[in-house]
Amino acid sequence: MQENLFPEMSQKKSDNTKVIGANLSLIFNRRNKNLVILKNRDVIVKKVDLSDKPAKKLLVLDAIALGATKSRLAEALNISRQTIHNYVESQKRFGTEGLLGGYNPNMGKNLAEHRPGYAT
């Protein structure tokens, strides 16, 4: 990987900043690690409270859409790369409702399976 060729390029800028790829970085609040800022080329894209699970899921999707590396993002947010993949798949198959409603892509596309009482 190119970072080995250029040791000055670090995945971690400082204690509270983590580079997640494609000129993207996450800056964690020093006092409250649940507060994070997503920056693209040092421009603030989004401020998020990670204790708000829907906001965290949307942050993950926004970062991926901007070109974040799944493995770096997963490490920075202390979640698995598979979780990120599941968020992306849920959003693709079911939209934002499915992502935030916890619809499982492995269950299929049938909304009735995901929503008890849903009439088709």
PDB file of N, CA and C in Angstrom:
ATOM      1  N   MET A   1       0.831  -1.173   0.000  1.00  0.00           N
ATOM      2  CA  MET A   1       0.000   0.000   0.000  1.00  0.00           C
ATOM      3  C   MET A   1       0.878   1.239   0.000  1.00  0.00           C
ATOM      4  N   GLN A   2       0.434   2.320  -0.581  1.00  0.00           N
ATOM      5  CA  GLN A   2       1.263   3.505  -0.742  1.00  0.00           C
ATOM      6  C   GLN A   2       1.686   4.143   0.570  1.00  0.00           C
ATOM      7  N   GLU A   3       0.915   3.965   1.629  1.00  0.00           N
ATOM      8  CA  GLU A   3       1.297   4.553   2.895  1.00  0.00           C
ATOM      9  C   GLU A   3       2.645   4.000   3.369  1.00  0.00           C
ATOM     10  N   ASN A   4       2.976   2.777   2.959  1.00  0.00           N
ATOM     11  CA  ASN A   4       4.279   2.220   3.308  1.00  0.00           C
ATOM     12  C   ASN A   4       5.399   2.946   2.583  1.00  0.00           C
ATOM     13  N   LEU A   5       5.119   3.434   1.380  1.00  0.00           N
ATOM     14  CA  LEU A   5       6.117   4.171   0.616  1.00  0.00           C
ATOM     15  C   LEU A   5       6.308   5.583   1.147  1.00  0.00           C
ATOM     16  N   PHE A   6       5.273   6.130   1.757  1.00  0.00           N
ATOM     17  CA  PHE A   6       5.313   7.490   2.272  1.00  0.00           C
ATOM     18  C   PHE A   6       4.950   7.482   3.750  1.00  0.00           C
ATOM     19  N   PRO A   7       5.891   7.211   4.624  1.00  0.00           N
ATOM     20  CA  PRO A   7       5.579   7.086   6.041  1.00  0.00           C
ATOM     21  C   PRO A   7       4.995   8.355   6.654  1.00  0.00           C
ATOM     22  N   GLU A   8       5.236   9.516   6.033  1.00  0.00           N
ATOM     23  CA  GLU A   8       4.662  10.737   6.591  1.00  0.00           C
ATOM     24  C   GLU A   8       3.150  10.798   6.415  1.00  0.00           C
ATOM     25  N   MET A   9       2.604   9.941   5.525  1.00  0.00           N
ATOM     26  CA  MET A   9       1.155   9.874   5.350  1.00  0.00           C
ATOM     27  C   MET A   9       0.609   8.889   6.373  1.00  0.00           C
ATOM     28  N   SER A  10       0.009   9.409   7.384  1.00  0.00           N
ATOM     29  CA  SER A  10      -0.497   8.571   8.465  1.00  0.00           C
ATOM     30  C   SER A  10      -2.008   8.507   8.413  1.00  0.00           C
ATOM     31  N   GLN A  11      -2.574   7.368   8.854  1.00  0.00           N
ATOM     32  CA  GLN A  11      -4.022   7.236   8.936  1.00  0.00           C
ATOM     33  C   GLN A  11      -4.559   8.081  10.085  1.00  0.00           C
ATOM     34  N   LYS A  12      -3.712   8.478  10.980  1.00  0.00           N
ATOM     35  CA  LYS A  12      -4.140   9.208  12.163  1.00  0.00           C
ATOM     36  C   LYS A  12      -3.380  10.525  12.222  1.00  0.00           C
ATOM     37  N   LYS A  13      -4.090  11.651  12.081  1.00  0.00           N
ATOM     38  CA  LYS A  13      -3.434  12.951  12.099  1.00  0.00           C
ATOM     39  C   LYS A  13      -3.036  13.351  13.511  1.00  0.00           C
ATOM     40  N   SER A  14      -3.945  13.173  14.446  1.00  0.00           N
ATOM     41  CA  SER A  14      -3.677  13.479  15.851  1.00  0.00           C
ATOM     42  C   SER A  14      -4.509  12.531  16.698  1.00  0.00           C
ATOM     43  N   ASP A  15      -4.483  12.753  17.989  1.00  0.00           N
ATOM     44  CA  ASP A  15      -5.228  11.868  18.881  1.00  0.00           C
ATOM     45  C   ASP A  15      -6.719  11.870  18.605  1.00  0.00           C
ATOM     46  N   ASN A  16      -7.237  12.995  18.160  1.00  0.00           N
ATOM     47  CA  ASN A  16      -8.680  13.085  17.974  1.00  0.00           C
ATOM     48  C   ASN A  16      -9.106  13.118  16.505  1.00  0.00           C
ATOM     49  N   THR A  17      -8.179  12.995  15.559  1.00  0.00           N
ATOM     50  CA  THR A  17      -8.492  13.026  14.135  1.00  0.00           C
ATOM     51  C   THR A  17      -8.055  11.726  13.480  1.00  0.00           C
ATOM     52  N   LYS A  18      -8.973  11.122  12.722  1.00  0.00           N
ATOM     53  CA  LYS A  18      -8.637   9.892  12.004  1.00  0.00           C
ATOM     54  C   LYS A  18      -8.966  10.075  10.534  1.00  0.00           C
ATOM     55  N   VAL A  19      -7.992   9.798   9.689  1.00  0.00           N
ATOM     56  CA  VAL A  19      -8.185   9.857   8.246  1.00  0.00           C
ATOM     57  C   VAL A  19      -8.899   8.586   7.819  1.00  0.00           C
ATOM     58  N   ILE A  20      -9.976   8.740   7.047  1.00  0.00           N
ATOM     59  CA  ILE A  20     -10.762   7.578   6.627  1.00  0.00           C
ATOM     60  C   ILE A  20     -10.750   7.388   5.120  1.00  0.00           C
ATOM     61  N   GLY A  21      -9.859   8.112   4.426  1.00  0.00           N
ATOM     62  CA  GLY A  21      -9.691   7.935   2.990  1.00  0.00           C
ATOM     63  C   GLY A  21     -10.268   9.076   2.181  1.00  0.00           C
ATOM     64  N   ALA A  22      -9.778   9.218   0.938  1.00  0.00           N
ATOM     65  CA  ALA A  22     -10.293  10.178  -0.048  1.00  0.00           C
ATOM     66  C   ALA A  22     -10.431  11.593   0.526  1.00  0.00           C
ATOM     67  N   ASN A  23      -9.397  12.080   1.187  1.00  0.00           N
ATOM     68  CA  ASN A  23      -9.396  13.415   1.793  1.00  0.00           C
ATOM     69  C   ASN A  23     -10.463  13.601   2.862  1.00  0.00           C
ATOM     70  N   LEU A  24     -10.937  12.515   3.428  1.00  0.00           N
ATOM     71  CA  LEU A  24     -11.955  12.553   4.470  1.00  0.00           C
ATOM     72  C   LEU A  24     -11.315  12.290   5.831  1.00  0.00           C
ATOM     73  N   SER A  25     -11.861  12.947   6.846  1.00  0.00           N
ATOM     74  CA  SER A  25     -11.382  12.686   8.196  1.00  0.00           C
ATOM     75  C   SER A  25     -12.533  12.824   9.188  1.00  0.00           C
ATOM     76  N   LEU A  26     -12.384  12.112  10.281  1.00  0.00           N
ATOM     77  CA  LEU A  26     -13.315  12.213  11.404  1.00  0.00           C
ATOM     78  C   LEU A  26     -12.565  12.871  12.549  1.00  0.00           C
ATOM     79  N   ILE A  27     -13.158  13.909  13.123  1.00  0.00           N
ATOM     80  CA  ILE A  27     -12.553  14.594  14.249  1.00  0.00           C
ATOM     81  C   ILE A  27     -13.442  14.366  15.460  1.00  0.00           C
ATOM     82  N   PHE A  28     -12.892  13.698  16.445  1.00  0.00           N
ATOM     83  CA  PHE A  28     -13.624  13.362  17.658  1.00  0.00           C
ATOM     84  C   PHE A  28     -13.416  14.452  18.699  1.00  0.00           C
ATOM     85  N   ASN A  29     -14.483  14.794  19.386  1.00  0.00           N
ATOM     86  CA  ASN A  29     -14.427  15.768  20.460  1.00  0.00           C
ATOM     87  C   ASN A  29     -13.558  15.206  21.576  1.00  0.00           C
ATOM     88  N   ARG A  30     -12.670  16.004  22.100  1.00  0.00           N
ATOM     89  CA  ARG A  30     -11.743  15.530  23.143  1.00  0.00           C
ATOM     90  C   ARG A  30     -12.462  15.189  24.450  1.00  0.00           C
ATOM     91  N   ARG A  31     -13.513  15.908  24.775  1.00  0.00           N
ATOM     92  CA  ARG A  31     -14.229  15.681  26.039  1.00  0.00           C
ATOM     93  C   ARG A  31     -15.287  14.601  25.926  1.00  0.00           C
ATOM     94  N   ASN A  32     -15.938  14.517  24.755  1.00  0.00           N
ATOM     95  CA  ASN A  32     -17.019  13.557  24.557  1.00  0.00           C
ATOM     96  C   ASN A  32     -16.773  12.816  23.250  1.00  0.00           C
ATOM     97  N   LYS A  33     -16.284  11.587  23.325  1.00  0.00           N
ATOM     98  CA  LYS A  33     -15.927  10.813  22.131  1.00  0.00           C
ATOM     99  C   LYS A  33     -17.134  10.454  21.272  1.00  0.00           C
ATOM    100  N   ASN A  34     -18.357  10.678  21.764  1.00  0.00           N
ATOM    101  CA  ASN A  34     -19.548  10.428  20.960  1.00  0.00           C
ATOM    102  C   ASN A  34     -19.811  11.547  19.952  1.00  0.00           C
ATOM    103  N   LEU A  35     -19.193  12.701  20.150  1.00  0.00           N
ATOM    104  CA  LEU A  35     -19.384  13.815  19.228  1.00  0.00           C
ATOM    105  C   LEU A  35     -18.269  13.790  18.189  1.00  0.00           C
ATOM    106  N   VAL A  36     -18.672  13.785  16.915  1.00  0.00           N
ATOM    107  CA  VAL A  36     -17.696  13.672  15.830  1.00  0.00           C
ATOM    108  C   VAL A  36     -18.073  14.604  14.689  1.00  0.00           C
ATOM    109  N   ILE A  37     -17.058  15.071  13.985  1.00  0.00           N
ATOM    110  CA  ILE A  37     -17.249  15.919  12.810  1.00  0.00           C
ATOM    111  C   ILE A  37     -16.637  15.196  11.612  1.00  0.00           C
ATOM    112  N   LEU A  38     -17.406  15.095  10.532  1.00  0.00           N
ATOM    113  CA  LEU A  38     -16.906  14.545   9.271  1.00  0.00           C
ATOM    114  C   LEU A  38     -16.445  15.710   8.420  1.00  0.00           C
ATOM    115  N   LYS A  39     -15.189  15.656   7.979  1.00  0.00           N
ATOM    116  CA  LYS A  39     -14.636  16.710   7.129  1.00  0.00           C
ATOM    117  C   LYS A  39     -14.178  16.129   5.804  1.00  0.00           C
ATOM    118  N   ASN A  40     -14.393  16.900   4.753  1.00  0.00           N
ATOM    119  CA  ASN A  40     -13.917  16.569   3.412  1.00  0.00           C
ATOM    120  C   ASN A  40     -13.006  17.705   2.981  1.00  0.00           C
ATOM    121  N   ARG A  41     -11.720  17.420   2.875  1.00  0.00           N
ATOM    122  CA  ARG A  41     -10.709  18.433   2.546  1.00  0.00           C
ATOM    123  C   ARG A  41     -10.788  19.621   3.513  1.00  0.00           C
ATOM    124  N   ASP A  42     -10.894  19.319   4.777  1.00  0.00           N
ATOM    125  CA  ASP A  42     -10.943  20.306   5.862  1.00  0.00           C
ATOM    126  C   ASP A  42     -12.192  21.182   5.844  1.00  0.00           C
ATOM    127  N   VAL A  43     -13.225  20.786   5.102  1.00  0.00           N
ATOM    128  CA  VAL A  43     -14.511  21.476   5.117  1.00  0.00           C
ATOM    129  C   VAL A  43     -15.492  20.585   5.878  1.00  0.00           C
ATOM    130  N   ILE A  44     -16.183  21.167   6.850  1.00  0.00           N
ATOM    131  CA  ILE A  44     -17.141  20.393   7.647  1.00  0.00           C
ATOM    132  C   ILE A  44     -18.308  19.951   6.773  1.00  0.00           C
ATOM    133  N   VAL A  45     -18.546  18.642   6.765  1.00  0.00           N
ATOM    134  CA  VAL A  45     -19.663  18.060   6.031  1.00  0.00           C
ATOM    135  C   VAL A  45     -20.822  17.804   6.972  1.00  0.00           C
ATOM    136  N   LYS A  46     -20.505  17.291   8.164  1.00  0.00           N
ATOM    137  CA  LYS A  46     -21.559  16.869   9.084  1.00  0.00           C
ATOM    138  C   LYS A  46     -21.012  16.783  10.495  1.00  0.00           C
ATOM    139  N   LYS A  47     -21.878  17.135  11.465  1.00  0.00           N
ATOM    140  CA  LYS A  47     -21.576  16.956  12.888  1.00  0.00           C
ATOM    141  C   LYS A  47     -22.586  15.951  13.417  1.00  0.00           C
ATOM    142  N   VAL A  48     -22.088  14.955  14.159  1.00  0.00           N
ATOM    143  CA  VAL A  48     -22.950  13.856  14.588  1.00  0.00           C
ATOM    144  C   VAL A  48     -22.656  13.469  16.030  1.00  0.00           C
ATOM    145  N   ASP A  49     -23.733  13.103  16.734  1.00  0.00           N
ATOM    146  CA  ASP A  49     -23.618  12.489  18.053  1.00  0.00           C
ATOM    147  C   ASP A  49     -23.740  10.981  17.819  1.00  0.00           C
ATOM    148  N   LEU A  50     -22.670  10.246  18.016  1.00  0.00           N
ATOM    149  CA  LEU A  50     -22.643   8.814  17.720  1.00  0.00           C
ATOM    150  C   LEU A  50     -23.541   7.991  18.638  1.00  0.00           C
ATOM    151  N   SER A  51     -23.987   8.567  19.741  1.00  0.00           N
ATOM    152  CA  SER A  51     -24.916   7.833  20.597  1.00  0.00           C
ATOM    153  C   SER A  51     -26.317   7.793  19.976  1.00  0.00           C
ATOM    154  N   ASP A  52     -26.560   8.618  18.976  1.00  0.00           N
ATOM    155  CA  ASP A  52     -27.808   8.606  18.207  1.00  0.00           C
ATOM    156  C   ASP A  52     -27.612   7.624  17.050  1.00  0.00           C
ATOM    157  N   LYS A  53     -28.141   6.387  17.209  1.00  0.00           N
ATOM    158  CA  LYS A  53     -27.861   5.320  16.244  1.00  0.00           C
ATOM    159  C   LYS A  53     -28.291   5.648  14.815  1.00  0.00           C
ATOM    160  N   PRO A  54     -29.491   6.217  14.596  1.00  0.00           N
ATOM    161  CA  PRO A  54     -29.842   6.584  13.215  1.00  0.00           C
ATOM    162  C   PRO A  54     -28.866   7.601  12.611  1.00  0.00           C
ATOM    163  N   ALA A  55     -28.445   8.582  13.406  1.00  0.00           N
ATOM    164  CA  ALA A  55     -27.491   9.576  12.912  1.00  0.00           C
ATOM    165  C   ALA A  55     -26.148   8.923  12.576  1.00  0.00           C
ATOM    166  N   LYS A  56     -25.752   7.947  13.381  1.00  0.00           N
ATOM    167  CA  LYS A  56     -24.493   7.231  13.135  1.00  0.00           C
ATOM    168  C   LYS A  56     -24.571   6.445  11.829  1.00  0.00           C
ATOM    169  N   LYS A  57     -25.703   5.782  11.588  1.00  0.00           N
ATOM    170  CA  LYS A  57     -25.874   5.032  10.340  1.00  0.00           C
ATOM    171  C   LYS A  57     -25.818   5.957   9.137  1.00  0.00           C
ATOM    172  N   LEU A  58     -26.465   7.116   9.241  1.00  0.00           N
ATOM    173  CA  LEU A  58     -26.455   8.074   8.137  1.00  0.00           C
ATOM    174  C   LEU A  58     -25.056   8.657   7.921  1.00  0.00           C
ATOM    175  N   LEU A  59     -24.312   8.862   9.004  1.00  0.00           N
ATOM    176  CA  LEU A  59     -22.924   9.312   8.890  1.00  0.00           C
ATOM    177  C   LEU A  59     -22.101   8.300   8.107  1.00  0.00           C
ATOM    178  N   VAL A  60     -22.267   7.025   8.439  1.00  0.00           N
ATOM    179  CA  VAL A  60     -21.534   5.958   7.750  1.00  0.00           C
ATOM    180  C   VAL A  60     -21.843   5.997   6.253  1.00  0.00           C
ATOM    181  N   LEU A  61     -23.116   6.098   5.905  1.00  0.00           N
ATOM    182  CA  LEU A  61     -23.493   6.128   4.487  1.00  0.00           C
ATOM    183  C   LEU A  61     -22.957   7.367   3.780  1.00  0.00           C
ATOM    184  N   ASP A  62     -23.006   8.508   4.441  1.00  0.00           N
ATOM    185  CA  ASP A  62     -22.472   9.737   3.832  1.00  0.00           C
ATOM    186  C   ASP A  62     -20.970   9.614   3.598  1.00  0.00           C
ATOM    187  N   ALA A  63     -20.260   9.076   4.571  1.00  0.00           N
ATOM    188  CA  ALA A  63     -18.809   8.920   4.438  1.00  0.00           C
ATOM    189  C   ALA A  63     -18.458   7.963   3.300  1.00  0.00           C
ATOM    190  N   ILE A  64     -19.199   6.860   3.187  1.00  0.00           N
ATOM    191  CA  ILE A  64     -18.959   5.895   2.105  1.00  0.00           C
ATOM    192  C   ILE A  64     -19.255   6.547   0.755  1.00  0.00           C
ATOM    193  N   ALA A  65     -20.335   7.311   0.674  1.00  0.00           N
ATOM    194  CA  ALA A  65     -20.690   7.987  -0.576  1.00  0.00           C
ATOM    195  C   ALA A  65     -19.618   8.992  -0.992  1.00  0.00           C
ATOM    196  N   LEU A  66     -18.932   9.575  -0.024  1.00  0.00           N
ATOM    197  CA  LEU A  66     -17.869  10.535  -0.326  1.00  0.00           C
ATOM    198  C   LEU A  66     -16.531   9.858  -0.619  1.00  0.00           C
ATOM    199  N   GLY A  67     -16.465   8.542  -0.432  1.00  0.00           N
ATOM    200  CA  GLY A  67     -15.252   7.811  -0.776  1.00  0.00           C
ATOM    201  C   GLY A  67     -14.443   7.275   0.384  1.00  0.00           C
ATOM    202  N   ALA A  68     -15.020   7.207   1.560  1.00  0.00           N
ATOM    203  CA  ALA A  68     -14.296   6.656   2.706  1.00  0.00           C
ATOM    204  C   ALA A  68     -13.995   5.176   2.483  1.00  0.00           C
ATOM    205  N   THR A  69     -12.892   4.738   3.006  1.00  0.00           N
ATOM    206  CA  THR A  69     -12.511   3.338   2.967  1.00  0.00           C
ATOM    207  C   THR A  69     -13.246   2.619   4.099  1.00  0.00           C
ATOM    208  N   LYS A  70     -13.951   1.539   3.761  1.00  0.00           N
ATOM    209  CA  LYS A  70     -14.761   0.841   4.761  1.00  0.00           C
ATOM    210  C   LYS A  70     -13.938   0.395   5.958  1.00  0.00           C
ATOM    211  N   SER A  71     -12.768  -0.144   5.725  1.00  0.00           N
ATOM    212  CA  SER A  71     -11.966  -0.653   6.841  1.00  0.00           C
ATOM    213  C   SER A  71     -11.485   0.482   7.751  1.00  0.00           C
ATOM    214  N   ARG A  72     -11.080   1.601   7.183  1.00  0.00           N
ATOM    215  CA  ARG A  72     -10.642   2.736   8.003  1.00  0.00           C
ATOM    216  C   ARG A  72     -11.804   3.352   8.772  1.00  0.00           C
ATOM    217  N   LEU A  73     -12.951   3.452   8.106  1.00  0.00           N
ATOM    218  CA  LEU A  73     -14.143   3.989   8.757  1.00  0.00           C
ATOM    219  C   LEU A  73     -14.573   3.084   9.909  1.00  0.00           C
ATOM    220  N   ALA A  74     -14.545   1.782   9.659  1.00  0.00           N
ATOM    221  CA  ALA A  74     -14.920   0.816  10.697  1.00  0.00           C
ATOM    222  C   ALA A  74     -13.994   0.935  11.908  1.00  0.00           C
ATOM    223  N   GLU A  75     -12.718   1.052  11.657  1.00  0.00           N
ATOM    224  CA  GLU A  75     -11.755   1.179  12.750  1.00  0.00           C
ATOM    225  C   GLU A  75     -11.972   2.477  13.527  1.00  0.00           C
ATOM    226  N   ALA A  76     -12.210   3.561  12.810  1.00  0.00           N
ATOM    227  CA  ALA A  76     -12.399   4.861  13.465  1.00  0.00           C
ATOM    228  C   ALA A  76     -13.647   4.879  14.339  1.00  0.00           C
ATOM    229  N   LEU A  77     -14.720   4.219  13.876  1.00  0.00           N
ATOM    230  CA  LEU A  77     -15.985   4.223  14.616  1.00  0.00           C
ATOM    231  C   LEU A  77     -16.140   3.023  15.548  1.00  0.00           C
ATOM    232  N   ASN A  78     -15.129   2.162  15.543  1.00  0.00           N
ATOM    233  CA  ASN A  78     -15.144   0.966  16.386  1.00  0.00           C
ATOM    234  C   ASN A  78     -16.350   0.064  16.082  1.00  0.00           C
ATOM    235  N   ILE A  79     -16.592  -0.140  14.796  1.00  0.00           N
ATOM    236  CA  ILE A  79     -17.614  -1.071  14.325  1.00  0.00           C
ATOM    237  C   ILE A  79     -16.951  -1.985  13.304  1.00  0.00           C
ATOM    238  N   SER A  80     -17.623  -3.055  12.920  1.00  0.00           N
ATOM    239  CA  SER A  80     -17.017  -3.975  11.961  1.00  0.00           C
ATOM    240  C   SER A  80     -17.256  -3.498  10.525  1.00  0.00           C
ATOM    241  N   ARG A  81     -16.391  -3.924   9.638  1.00  0.00           N
ATOM    242  CA  ARG A  81     -16.558  -3.622   8.223  1.00  0.00           C
ATOM    243  C   ARG A  81     -17.840  -4.270   7.714  1.00  0.00           C
ATOM    244  N   GLN A  82     -18.187  -5.426   8.270  1.00  0.00           N
ATOM    245  CA  GLN A  82     -19.420  -6.119   7.880  1.00  0.00           C
ATOM    246  C   GLN A  82     -20.645  -5.291   8.255  1.00  0.00           C
ATOM    247  N   THR A  83     -20.608  -4.616   9.378  1.00  0.00           N
ATOM    248  CA  THR A  83     -21.713  -3.744   9.780  1.00  0.00           C
ATOM    249  C   THR A  83     -21.903  -2.628   8.756  1.00  0.00           C
ATOM    250  N   ILE A  84     -20.811  -2.052   8.317  1.00  0.00           N
ATOM    251  CA  ILE A  84     -20.889  -1.007   7.292  1.00  0.00           C
ATOM    252  C   ILE A  84     -21.486  -1.573   6.015  1.00  0.00           C
ATOM    253  N   HIS A  85     -21.042  -2.750   5.617  1.00  0.00           N
ATOM    254  CA  HIS A  85     -21.582  -3.403   4.424  1.00  0.00           C
ATOM    255  C   HIS A  85     -23.092  -3.622   4.579  1.00  0.00           C
ATOM    256  N   ASN A  86     -23.524  -4.058   5.759  1.00  0.00           N
ATOM    257  CA  ASN A  86     -24.948  -4.281   6.004  1.00  0.00           C
ATOM    258  C   ASN A  86     -25.747  -2.984   5.913  1.00  0.00           C
ATOM    259  N   TYR A  87     -25.198  -1.887   6.427  1.00  0.00           N
ATOM    260  CA  TYR A  87     -25.878  -0.588   6.317  1.00  0.00           C
ATOM    261  C   TYR A  87     -26.065  -0.215   4.847  1.00  0.00           C
ATOM    262  N   VAL A  88     -25.009  -0.383   4.059  1.00  0.00           N
ATOM    263  CA  VAL A  88     -25.066  -0.026   2.637  1.00  0.00           C
ATOM    264  C   VAL A  88     -26.097  -0.890   1.914  1.00  0.00           C
ATOM    265  N   GLU A  89     -26.081  -2.189   2.182  1.00  0.00           N
ATOM    266  CA  GLU A  89     -27.033  -3.101   1.534  1.00  0.00           C
ATOM    267  C   GLU A  89     -28.469  -2.818   1.952  1.00  0.00           C
ATOM    268  N   SER A  90     -28.690  -2.552   3.224  1.00  0.00           N
ATOM    269  CA  SER A  90     -30.038  -2.240   3.697  1.00  0.00           C
ATOM    270  C   SER A  90     -30.558  -0.978   3.025  1.00  0.00           C
ATOM    271  N   GLN A  91     -29.702   0.017   2.898  1.00  0.00           N
ATOM    272  CA  GLN A  91     -30.115   1.264   2.267  1.00  0.00           C
ATOM    273  C   GLN A  91     -30.410   1.058   0.777  1.00  0.00           C
ATOM    274  N   LYS A  92     -29.603   0.250   0.119  1.00  0.00           N
ATOM    275  CA  LYS A  92     -29.831  -0.039  -1.308  1.00  0.00           C
ATOM    276  C   LYS A  92     -31.156  -0.754  -1.521  1.00  0.00           C
ATOM    277  N   ARG A  93     -31.426  -1.754  -0.705  1.00  0.00           N
ATOM    278  CA  ARG A  93     -32.615  -2.593  -0.906  1.00  0.00           C
ATOM    279  C   ARG A  93     -33.899  -1.977  -0.380  1.00  0.00           C
ATOM    280  N   PHE A  94     -33.814  -1.282   0.746  1.00  0.00           N
ATOM    281  CA  PHE A  94     -35.023  -0.823   1.417  1.00  0.00           C
ATOM    282  C   PHE A  94     -35.119   0.682   1.578  1.00  0.00           C
ATOM    283  N   GLY A  95     -34.100   1.416   1.146  1.00  0.00           N
ATOM    284  CA  GLY A  95     -34.114   2.864   1.318  1.00  0.00           C
ATOM    285  C   GLY A  95     -33.776   3.253   2.746  1.00  0.00           C
ATOM    286  N   THR A  96     -33.966   4.528   3.012  1.00  0.00           N
ATOM    287  CA  THR A  96     -33.645   5.044   4.341  1.00  0.00           C
ATOM    288  C   THR A  96     -34.534   4.416   5.410  1.00  0.00           C
ATOM    289  N   GLU A  97     -35.807   4.161   5.082  1.00  0.00           N
ATOM    290  CA  GLU A  97     -36.716   3.520   6.036  1.00  0.00           C
ATOM    291  C   GLU A  97     -36.169   2.165   6.473  1.00  0.00           C
ATOM    292  N   GLY A  98     -35.682   1.388   5.520  1.00  0.00           N
ATOM    293  CA  GLY A  98     -35.130   0.080   5.834  1.00  0.00           C
ATOM    294  C   GLY A  98     -33.864   0.162   6.655  1.00  0.00           C
ATOM    295  N   LEU A  99     -33.018   1.124   6.320  1.00  0.00           N
ATOM    296  CA  LEU A  99     -31.779   1.305   7.070  1.00  0.00           C
ATOM    297  C   LEU A  99     -32.075   1.657   8.522  1.00  0.00           C
ATOM    298  N   LEU A 100     -32.927   2.643   8.710  1.00  0.00           N
ATOM    299  CA  LEU A 100     -33.208   3.108  10.059  1.00  0.00           C
ATOM    300  C   LEU A 100     -34.130   2.167  10.818  1.00  0.00           C
ATOM    301  N   GLY A 101     -34.922   1.370  10.082  1.00  0.00           N
ATOM    302  CA  GLY A 101     -35.821   0.415  10.711  1.00  0.00           C
ATOM    303  C   GLY A 101     -35.169  -0.914  11.016  1.00  0.00           C
ATOM    304  N   GLY A 102     -33.910  -1.065  10.646  1.00  0.00           N
ATOM    305  CA  GLY A 102     -33.175  -2.286  10.951  1.00  0.00           C
ATOM    306  C   GLY A 102     -33.543  -3.465  10.069  1.00  0.00           C
ATOM    307  N   TYR A 103     -34.032  -3.188   8.847  1.00  0.00           N
ATOM    308  CA  TYR A 103     -34.372  -4.284   7.945  1.00  0.00           C
ATOM    309  C   TYR A 103     -33.101  -5.047   7.595  1.00  0.00           C
ATOM    310  N   ASN A 104     -33.217  -6.365   7.555  1.00  0.00           N
ATOM    311  CA  ASN A 104     -32.071  -7.227   7.321  1.00  0.00           C
ATOM    312  C   ASN A 104     -32.021  -7.634   5.852  1.00  0.00           C
ATOM    313  N   PRO A 105     -30.951  -7.294   5.122  1.00  0.00           N
ATOM    314  CA  PRO A 105     -30.861  -7.665   3.707  1.00  0.00           C
ATOM    315  C   PRO A 105     -30.883  -9.175   3.480  1.00  0.00           C
ATOM    316  N   ASN A 106     -30.521  -9.955   4.489  1.00  0.00           N
ATOM    317  CA  ASN A 106     -30.514 -11.416   4.337  1.00  0.00           C
ATOM    318  C   ASN A 106     -31.917 -12.013   4.367  1.00  0.00           C
ATOM    319  N   MET A 107     -32.904 -11.232   4.814  1.00  0.00           N
ATOM    320  CA  MET A 107     -34.278 -11.728   4.892  1.00  0.00           C
ATOM    321  C   MET A 107     -35.029 -11.593   3.566  1.00  0.00           C
ATOM    322  N   GLY A 108     -34.465 -10.887   2.612  1.00  0.00           N
ATOM    323  CA  GLY A 108     -35.147 -10.702   1.333  1.00  0.00           C
ATOM    324  C   GLY A 108     -35.751  -9.320   1.219  1.00  0.00           C
ATOM    325  N   LYS A 109     -36.401  -9.074   0.080  1.00  0.00           N
ATOM    326  CA  LYS A 109     -36.942  -7.754  -0.201  1.00  0.00           C
ATOM    327  C   LYS A 109     -38.398  -7.593   0.200  1.00  0.00           C
ATOM    328  N   ASN A 110     -39.028  -8.634   0.661  1.00  0.00           N
ATOM    329  CA  ASN A 110     -40.437  -8.590   0.998  1.00  0.00           C
ATOM    330  C   ASN A 110     -40.645  -7.758   2.269  1.00  0.00           C
ATOM    331  N   LEU A 111     -41.331  -6.613   2.134  1.00  0.00           N
ATOM    332  CA  LEU A 111     -41.550  -5.739   3.282  1.00  0.00           C
ATOM    333  C   LEU A 111     -42.383  -6.402   4.363  1.00  0.00           C
ATOM    334  N   ALA A 112     -43.265  -7.306   3.971  1.00  0.00           N
ATOM    335  CA  ALA A 112     -44.127  -7.985   4.945  1.00  0.00           C
ATOM    336  C   ALA A 112     -43.288  -8.787   5.950  1.00  0.00           C
ATOM    337  N   GLU A 113     -42.139  -9.276   5.516  1.00  0.00           N
ATOM    338  CA  GLU A 113     -41.267 -10.026   6.419  1.00  0.00           C
ATOM    339  C   GLU A 113     -40.616  -9.099   7.447  1.00  0.00           C
ATOM    340  N   HIS A 114     -40.445  -7.838   7.073  1.00  0.00           N
ATOM    341  CA  HIS A 114     -39.750  -6.892   7.941  1.00  0.00           C
ATOM    342  C   HIS A 114     -40.690  -6.088   8.808  1.00  0.00           C
ATOM    343  N   ARG A 115     -41.921  -5.899   8.358  1.00  0.00           N
ATOM    344  CA  ARG A 115     -42.890  -5.098   9.093  1.00  0.00           C
ATOM    345  C   ARG A 115     -44.072  -5.948   9.510  1.00  0.00           C
ATOM    346  N   PRO A 116     -44.148  -6.311  10.749  1.00  0.00           N
ATOM    347  CA  PRO A 116     -45.318  -7.065  11.202  1.00  0.00           C
ATOM    348  C   PRO A 116     -46.578  -6.210  10.999  1.00  0.00           C
ATOM    349  N   GLY A 117     -47.608  -6.831  10.458  1.00  0.00           N
ATOM    350  CA  GLY A 117     -48.865  -6.132  10.231  1.00  0.00           C
ATOM    351  C   GLY A 117     -48.921  -5.333   8.947  1.00  0.00           C
ATOM    352  N   TYR A 118     -47.876  -5.406   8.115  1.00  0.00           N
ATOM    353  CA  TYR A 118     -47.855  -4.671   6.857  1.00  0.00           C
ATOM    354  C   TYR A 118     -48.772  -5.349   5.859  1.00  0.00           C
ATOM    355  N   ALA A 119     -49.706  -4.628   5.319  1.00  0.00           N
ATOM    356  CA  ALA A 119     -50.648  -5.188   4.330  1.00  0.00           C
ATOM    357  C   ALA A 119     -50.170  -4.850   2.934  1.00  0.00           C
ATOM    358  N   THR A 120     -50.078  -5.848   2.082  1.00  0.00           N
ATOM    359  CA  THR A 120     -49.638  -5.616   0.705  1.00  0.00           C
ATOM    360  C   THR A 120     -50.804  -5.502  -0.238  1.00  0.00           C
TER     361      THR A 120
END
